[in-house]
Amino acid sequence: MGPERLLLILVVILIIVIIWRGPKTLPLIGRAFGQGVKEARREISEIKSDMDKKSDDGTGGTDGTPTA
């Protein structure tokens, strides 16, 4: 699925929500989306920092043994 198709789906969903629930729910939807993006970025940075720590330790495996 390409980004154009995903964007089209999101726009259609947004239009359906506006018609069904009214424009007052848009700030709630935006806030929830923003919190989701914020949490995803935080998780990605935690994963990157964990990977950096493992590479600094010289351990590649999860059991603590060095990789060849």
PDB file of N, CA and C in Angstrom:
ATOM      1  N   MET A   1       0.861  -1.172   0.000  1.00  0.00           N
ATOM      2  CA  MET A   1       0.000   0.000   0.000  1.00  0.00           C
ATOM      3  C   MET A   1       0.903   1.229   0.000  1.00  0.00           C
ATOM      4  N   GLY A   2       0.707   2.077  -0.980  1.00  0.00           N
ATOM      5  CA  GLY A   2       1.521   3.267  -1.105  1.00  0.00           C
ATOM      6  C   GLY A   2       1.051   4.393  -0.210  1.00  0.00           C
ATOM      7  N   PRO A   3       1.895   5.413  -0.063  1.00  0.00           N
ATOM      8  CA  PRO A   3       1.524   6.536   0.797  1.00  0.00           C
ATOM      9  C   PRO A   3       0.323   7.324   0.269  1.00  0.00           C
ATOM     10  N   GLU A   4       0.151   7.350  -1.058  1.00  0.00           N
ATOM     11  CA  GLU A   4      -0.988   8.079  -1.614  1.00  0.00           C
ATOM     12  C   GLU A   4      -2.300   7.415  -1.216  1.00  0.00           C
ATOM     13  N   ARG A   5      -2.302   6.079  -1.270  1.00  0.00           N
ATOM     14  CA  ARG A   5      -3.505   5.343  -0.928  1.00  0.00           C
ATOM     15  C   ARG A   5      -3.827   5.479   0.560  1.00  0.00           C
ATOM     16  N   LEU A   6      -2.788   5.444   1.386  1.00  0.00           N
ATOM     17  CA  LEU A   6      -2.979   5.605   2.822  1.00  0.00           C
ATOM     18  C   LEU A   6      -3.532   6.996   3.141  1.00  0.00           C
ATOM     19  N   LEU A   7      -3.003   8.011   2.491  1.00  0.00           N
ATOM     20  CA  LEU A   7      -3.497   9.368   2.688  1.00  0.00           C
ATOM     21  C   LEU A   7      -4.951   9.493   2.260  1.00  0.00           C
ATOM     22  N   LEU A   8      -5.298   8.873   1.155  1.00  0.00           N
ATOM     23  CA  LEU A   8      -6.685   8.903   0.686  1.00  0.00           C
ATOM     24  C   LEU A   8      -7.612   8.242   1.694  1.00  0.00           C
ATOM     25  N   ILE A   9      -7.198   7.109   2.247  1.00  0.00           N
ATOM     26  CA  ILE A   9      -8.011   6.419   3.246  1.00  0.00           C
ATOM     27  C   ILE A   9      -8.195   7.296   4.479  1.00  0.00           C
ATOM     28  N   LEU A  10      -7.126   7.944   4.933  1.00  0.00           N
ATOM     29  CA  LEU A  10      -7.231   8.815   6.104  1.00  0.00           C
ATOM     30  C   LEU A  10      -8.161   9.998   5.855  1.00  0.00           C
ATOM     31  N   VAL A  11      -8.112  10.568   4.659  1.00  0.00           N
ATOM     32  CA  VAL A  11      -8.996  11.691   4.330  1.00  0.00           C
ATOM     33  C   VAL A  11     -10.449  11.239   4.322  1.00  0.00           C
ATOM     34  N   VAL A  12     -10.715  10.076   3.749  1.00  0.00           N
ATOM     35  CA  VAL A  12     -12.085   9.561   3.721  1.00  0.00           C
ATOM     36  C   VAL A  12     -12.588   9.310   5.141  1.00  0.00           C
ATOM     37  N   ILE A  13     -11.740   8.725   5.986  1.00  0.00           N
ATOM     38  CA  ILE A  13     -12.129   8.490   7.376  1.00  0.00           C
ATOM     39  C   ILE A  13     -12.409   9.812   8.078  1.00  0.00           C
ATOM     40  N   LEU A  14     -11.589  10.819   7.828  1.00  0.00           N
ATOM     41  CA  LEU A  14     -11.787  12.132   8.442  1.00  0.00           C
ATOM     42  C   LEU A  14     -13.121  12.741   8.010  1.00  0.00           C
ATOM     43  N   ILE A  15     -13.451  12.627   6.741  1.00  0.00           N
ATOM     44  CA  ILE A  15     -14.721  13.170   6.251  1.00  0.00           C
ATOM     45  C   ILE A  15     -15.897  12.429   6.892  1.00  0.00           C
ATOM     46  N   ILE A  16     -15.787  11.109   7.006  1.00  0.00           N
ATOM     47  CA  ILE A  16     -16.865  10.331   7.627  1.00  0.00           C
ATOM     48  C   ILE A  16     -17.045  10.740   9.089  1.00  0.00           C
ATOM     49  N   VAL A  17     -15.939  10.936   9.802  1.00  0.00           N
ATOM     50  CA  VAL A  17     -16.028  11.333  11.211  1.00  0.00           C
ATOM     51  C   VAL A  17     -16.653  12.718  11.348  1.00  0.00           C
ATOM     52  N   ILE A  18     -16.291  13.631  10.467  1.00  0.00           N
ATOM     53  CA  ILE A  18     -16.854  14.985  10.522  1.00  0.00           C
ATOM     54  C   ILE A  18     -18.364  14.940  10.282  1.00  0.00           C
ATOM     55  N   ILE A  19     -18.780  14.144   9.319  1.00  0.00           N
ATOM     56  CA  ILE A  19     -20.214  14.052   9.026  1.00  0.00           C
ATOM     57  C   ILE A  19     -20.954  13.358  10.169  1.00  0.00           C
ATOM     58  N   TRP A  20     -20.373  12.294  10.695  1.00  0.00           N
ATOM     59  CA  TRP A  20     -21.041  11.481  11.701  1.00  0.00           C
ATOM     60  C   TRP A  20     -21.045  12.140  13.075  1.00  0.00           C
ATOM     61  N   ARG A  21     -19.902  12.659  13.532  1.00  0.00           N
ATOM     62  CA  ARG A  21     -19.784  13.190  14.889  1.00  0.00           C
ATOM     63  C   ARG A  21     -19.789  14.709  14.968  1.00  0.00           C
ATOM     64  N   GLY A  22     -19.593  15.376  13.860  1.00  0.00           N
ATOM     65  CA  GLY A  22     -19.567  16.829  13.859  1.00  0.00           C
ATOM     66  C   GLY A  22     -18.148  17.364  14.022  1.00  0.00           C
ATOM     67  N   PRO A  23     -17.967  18.629  13.718  1.00  0.00           N
ATOM     68  CA  PRO A  23     -16.618  19.210  13.743  1.00  0.00           C
ATOM     69  C   PRO A  23     -16.038  19.397  15.146  1.00  0.00           C
ATOM     70  N   LYS A  24     -16.855  19.254  16.174  1.00  0.00           N
ATOM     71  CA  LYS A  24     -16.354  19.440  17.538  1.00  0.00           C
ATOM     72  C   LYS A  24     -15.377  18.343  17.950  1.00  0.00           C
ATOM     73  N   THR A  25     -15.425  17.201  17.289  1.00  0.00           N
ATOM     74  CA  THR A  25     -14.539  16.097  17.656  1.00  0.00           C
ATOM     75  C   THR A  25     -13.166  16.202  17.015  1.00  0.00           C
ATOM     76  N   LEU A  26     -12.985  17.128  16.078  1.00  0.00           N
ATOM     77  CA  LEU A  26     -11.685  17.251  15.409  1.00  0.00           C
ATOM     78  C   LEU A  26     -10.535  17.535  16.379  1.00  0.00           C
ATOM     79  N   PRO A  27     -10.680  18.429  17.347  1.00  0.00           N
ATOM     80  CA  PRO A  27      -9.572  18.624  18.294  1.00  0.00           C
ATOM     81  C   PRO A  27      -9.245  17.366  19.094  1.00  0.00           C
ATOM     82  N   LEU A  28     -10.262  16.596  19.437  1.00  0.00           N
ATOM     83  CA  LEU A  28     -10.020  15.348  20.163  1.00  0.00           C
ATOM     84  C   LEU A  28      -9.251  14.352  19.301  1.00  0.00           C
ATOM     85  N   ILE A  29      -9.635  14.264  18.048  1.00  0.00           N
ATOM     86  CA  ILE A  29      -8.952  13.360  17.132  1.00  0.00           C
ATOM     87  C   ILE A  29      -7.508  13.810  16.934  1.00  0.00           C
ATOM     88  N   GLY A  30      -7.304  15.100  16.753  1.00  0.00           N
ATOM     89  CA  GLY A  30      -5.956  15.632  16.579  1.00  0.00           C
ATOM     90  C   GLY A  30      -5.089  15.396  17.801  1.00  0.00           C
ATOM     91  N   ARG A  31      -5.656  15.581  18.975  1.00  0.00           N
ATOM     92  CA  ARG A  31      -4.909  15.361  20.215  1.00  0.00           C
ATOM     93  C   ARG A  31      -4.516  13.892  20.353  1.00  0.00           C
ATOM     94  N   ALA A  32      -5.447  12.999  20.070  1.00  0.00           N
ATOM     95  CA  ALA A  32      -5.149  11.565  20.160  1.00  0.00           C
ATOM     96  C   ALA A  32      -4.079  11.163  19.142  1.00  0.00           C
ATOM     97  N   PHE A  33      -4.173  11.701  17.954  1.00  0.00           N
ATOM     98  CA  PHE A  33      -3.166  11.404  16.924  1.00  0.00           C
ATOM     99  C   PHE A  33      -1.796  11.928  17.342  1.00  0.00           C
ATOM    100  N   GLY A  34      -1.758  13.129  17.865  1.00  0.00           N
ATOM    101  CA  GLY A  34      -0.496  13.714  18.324  1.00  0.00           C
ATOM    102  C   GLY A  34       0.127  12.924  19.457  1.00  0.00           C
ATOM    103  N   GLN A  35      -0.685  12.461  20.382  1.00  0.00           N
ATOM    104  CA  GLN A  35      -0.165  11.644  21.479  1.00  0.00           C
ATOM    105  C   GLN A  35       0.371  10.313  20.967  1.00  0.00           C
ATOM    106  N   GLY A  36      -0.287   9.758  19.977  1.00  0.00           N
ATOM    107  CA  GLY A  36       0.189   8.507  19.385  1.00  0.00           C
ATOM    108  C   GLY A  36       1.528   8.677  18.694  1.00  0.00           C
ATOM    109  N   VAL A  37       1.674   9.774  17.958  1.00  0.00           N
ATOM    110  CA  VAL A  37       2.943  10.055  17.286  1.00  0.00           C
ATOM    111  C   VAL A  37       4.042  10.296  18.312  1.00  0.00           C
ATOM    112  N   LYS A  38       3.723  11.030  19.363  1.00  0.00           N
ATOM    113  CA  LYS A  38       4.703  11.308  20.418  1.00  0.00           C
ATOM    114  C   LYS A  38       5.176  10.013  21.080  1.00  0.00           C
ATOM    115  N   GLU A  39       4.241   9.129  21.372  1.00  0.00           N
ATOM    116  CA  GLU A  39       4.593   7.858  22.008  1.00  0.00           C
ATOM    117  C   GLU A  39       5.421   6.987  21.064  1.00  0.00           C
ATOM    118  N   ALA A  40       5.064   6.972  19.790  1.00  0.00           N
ATOM    119  CA  ALA A  40       5.827   6.187  18.819  1.00  0.00           C
ATOM    120  C   ALA A  40       7.258   6.705  18.710  1.00  0.00           C
ATOM    121  N   ARG A  41       7.440   8.009  18.684  1.00  0.00           N
ATOM    122  CA  ARG A  41       8.792   8.582  18.626  1.00  0.00           C
ATOM    123  C   ARG A  41       9.594   8.238  19.871  1.00  0.00           C
ATOM    124  N   ARG A  42       8.944   8.266  21.019  1.00  0.00           N
ATOM    125  CA  ARG A  42       9.620   7.933  22.270  1.00  0.00           C
ATOM    126  C   ARG A  42      10.066   6.472  22.256  1.00  0.00           C
ATOM    127  N   GLU A  43       9.199   5.586  21.803  1.00  0.00           N
ATOM    128  CA  GLU A  43       9.549   4.165  21.732  1.00  0.00           C
ATOM    129  C   GLU A  43      10.703   3.931  20.764  1.00  0.00           C
ATOM    130  N   ILE A  44      10.685   4.609  19.624  1.00  0.00           N
ATOM    131  CA  ILE A  44      11.758   4.457  18.649  1.00  0.00           C
ATOM    132  C   ILE A  44      13.079   4.934  19.230  1.00  0.00           C
ATOM    133  N   SER A  45      13.068   6.060  19.941  1.00  0.00           N
ATOM    134  CA  SER A  45      14.312   6.555  20.531  1.00  0.00           C
ATOM    135  C   SER A  45      14.815   5.618  21.622  1.00  0.00           C
ATOM    136  N   GLU A  46      13.904   4.990  22.386  1.00  0.00           N
ATOM    137  CA  GLU A  46      14.324   4.017  23.396  1.00  0.00           C
ATOM    138  C   GLU A  46      14.965   2.807  22.738  1.00  0.00           C
ATOM    139  N   ILE A  47      14.390   2.332  21.661  1.00  0.00           N
ATOM    140  CA  ILE A  47      14.951   1.183  20.951  1.00  0.00           C
ATOM    141  C   ILE A  47      16.327   1.529  20.400  1.00  0.00           C
ATOM    142  N   LYS A  48      16.467   2.715  19.816  1.00  0.00           N
ATOM    143  CA  LYS A  48      17.767   3.132  19.283  1.00  0.00           C
ATOM    144  C   LYS A  48      18.810   3.235  20.387  1.00  0.00           C
ATOM    145  N   SER A  49      18.433   3.785  21.545  1.00  0.00           N
ATOM    146  CA  SER A  49      19.402   3.917  22.627  1.00  0.00           C
ATOM    147  C   SER A  49      19.786   2.541  23.172  1.00  0.00           C
ATOM    148  N   ASP A  50      18.826   1.604  23.238  1.00  0.00           N
ATOM    149  CA  ASP A  50      19.150   0.243  23.656  1.00  0.00           C
ATOM    150  C   ASP A  50      20.115  -0.416  22.673  1.00  0.00           C
ATOM    151  N   MET A  51      19.897  -0.201  21.386  1.00  0.00           N
ATOM    152  CA  MET A  51      20.790  -0.769  20.380  1.00  0.00           C
ATOM    153  C   MET A  51      22.182  -0.152  20.480  1.00  0.00           C
ATOM    154  N   ASP A  52      22.244   1.148  20.736  1.00  0.00           N
ATOM    155  CA  ASP A  52      23.536   1.804  20.890  1.00  0.00           C
ATOM    156  C   ASP A  52      24.282   1.283  22.109  1.00  0.00           C
ATOM    157  N   LYS A  53      23.560   1.047  23.206  1.00  0.00           N
ATOM    158  CA  LYS A  53      24.188   0.511  24.416  1.00  0.00           C
ATOM    159  C   LYS A  53      24.751  -0.879  24.160  1.00  0.00           C
ATOM    160  N   LYS A  54      23.999  -1.702  23.434  1.00  0.00           N
ATOM    161  CA  LYS A  54      24.472  -3.049  23.134  1.00  0.00           C
ATOM    162  C   LYS A  54      25.701  -3.007  22.236  1.00  0.00           C
ATOM    163  N   SER A  55      25.722  -2.098  21.273  1.00  0.00           N
ATOM    164  CA  SER A  55      26.884  -2.016  20.385  1.00  0.00           C
ATOM    165  C   SER A  55      28.094  -1.446  21.128  1.00  0.00           C
ATOM    166  N   ASP A  56      27.889  -0.585  22.118  1.00  0.00           N
ATOM    167  CA  ASP A  56      28.994  -0.057  22.920  1.00  0.00           C
ATOM    168  C   ASP A  56      29.574  -1.128  23.830  1.00  0.00           C
ATOM    169  N   ASP A  57      28.725  -2.045  24.302  1.00  0.00           N
ATOM    170  CA  ASP A  57      29.182  -3.124  25.170  1.00  0.00           C
ATOM    171  C   ASP A  57      29.964  -4.177  24.396  1.00  0.00           C
ATOM    172  N   GLY A  58      29.780  -4.226  23.088  1.00  0.00           N
ATOM    173  CA  GLY A  58      30.429  -5.238  22.288  1.00  0.00           C
ATOM    174  C   GLY A  58      29.674  -6.538  22.248  1.00  0.00           C
ATOM    175  N   THR A  59      28.486  -6.554  22.777  1.00  0.00           N
ATOM    176  CA  THR A  59      27.675  -7.756  22.745  1.00  0.00           C
ATOM    177  C   THR A  59      26.664  -7.627  21.620  1.00  0.00           C
ATOM    178  N   GLY A  60      26.586  -8.664  20.849  1.00  0.00           N
ATOM    179  CA  GLY A  60      25.625  -8.629  19.750  1.00  0.00           C
ATOM    180  C   GLY A  60      24.433  -9.494  20.034  1.00  0.00           C
ATOM    181  N   GLY A  61      24.621 -10.546  20.816  1.00  0.00           N
ATOM    182  CA  GLY A  61      23.536 -11.448  21.124  1.00  0.00           C
ATOM    183  C   GLY A  61      22.783 -10.985  22.346  1.00  0.00           C
ATOM    184  N   THR A  62      21.638 -11.569  22.549  1.00  0.00           N
ATOM    185  CA  THR A  62      20.838 -11.196  23.698  1.00  0.00           C
ATOM    186  C   THR A  62      21.314 -11.890  24.969  1.00  0.00           C
ATOM    187  N   ASP A  63      22.150 -12.953  24.800  1.00  0.00           N
ATOM    188  CA  ASP A  63      22.614 -13.677  25.966  1.00  0.00           C
ATOM    189  C   ASP A  63      23.934 -13.133  26.498  1.00  0.00           C
ATOM    190  N   GLY A  64      24.456 -12.074  25.916  1.00  0.00           N
ATOM    191  CA  GLY A  64      25.671 -11.443  26.421  1.00  0.00           C
ATOM    192  C   GLY A  64      26.950 -11.966  25.802  1.00  0.00           C
ATOM    193  N   THR A  65      26.841 -12.896  24.853  1.00  0.00           N
ATOM    194  CA  THR A  65      28.038 -13.410  24.207  1.00  0.00           C
ATOM    195  C   THR A  65      28.411 -12.524  23.037  1.00  0.00           C
ATOM    196  N   PRO A  66      29.716 -12.246  22.861  1.00  0.00           N
ATOM    197  CA  PRO A  66      30.121 -11.394  21.740  1.00  0.00           C
ATOM    198  C   PRO A  66      29.907 -12.112  20.411  1.00  0.00           C
ATOM    199  N   THR A  67      29.622 -11.325  19.402  1.00  0.00           N
ATOM    200  CA  THR A  67      29.437 -11.880  18.070  1.00  0.00           C
ATOM    201  C   THR A  67      30.750 -11.847  17.330  1.00  0.00           C
ATOM    202  N   ALA A  68      30.882 -12.718  16.340  1.00  0.00           N
ATOM    203  CA  ALA A  68      32.145 -12.811  15.582  1.00  0.00           C
ATOM    204  C   ALA A  68      32.208 -11.796  14.488  1.00  0.00           C
TER     205      ALA A  68
END
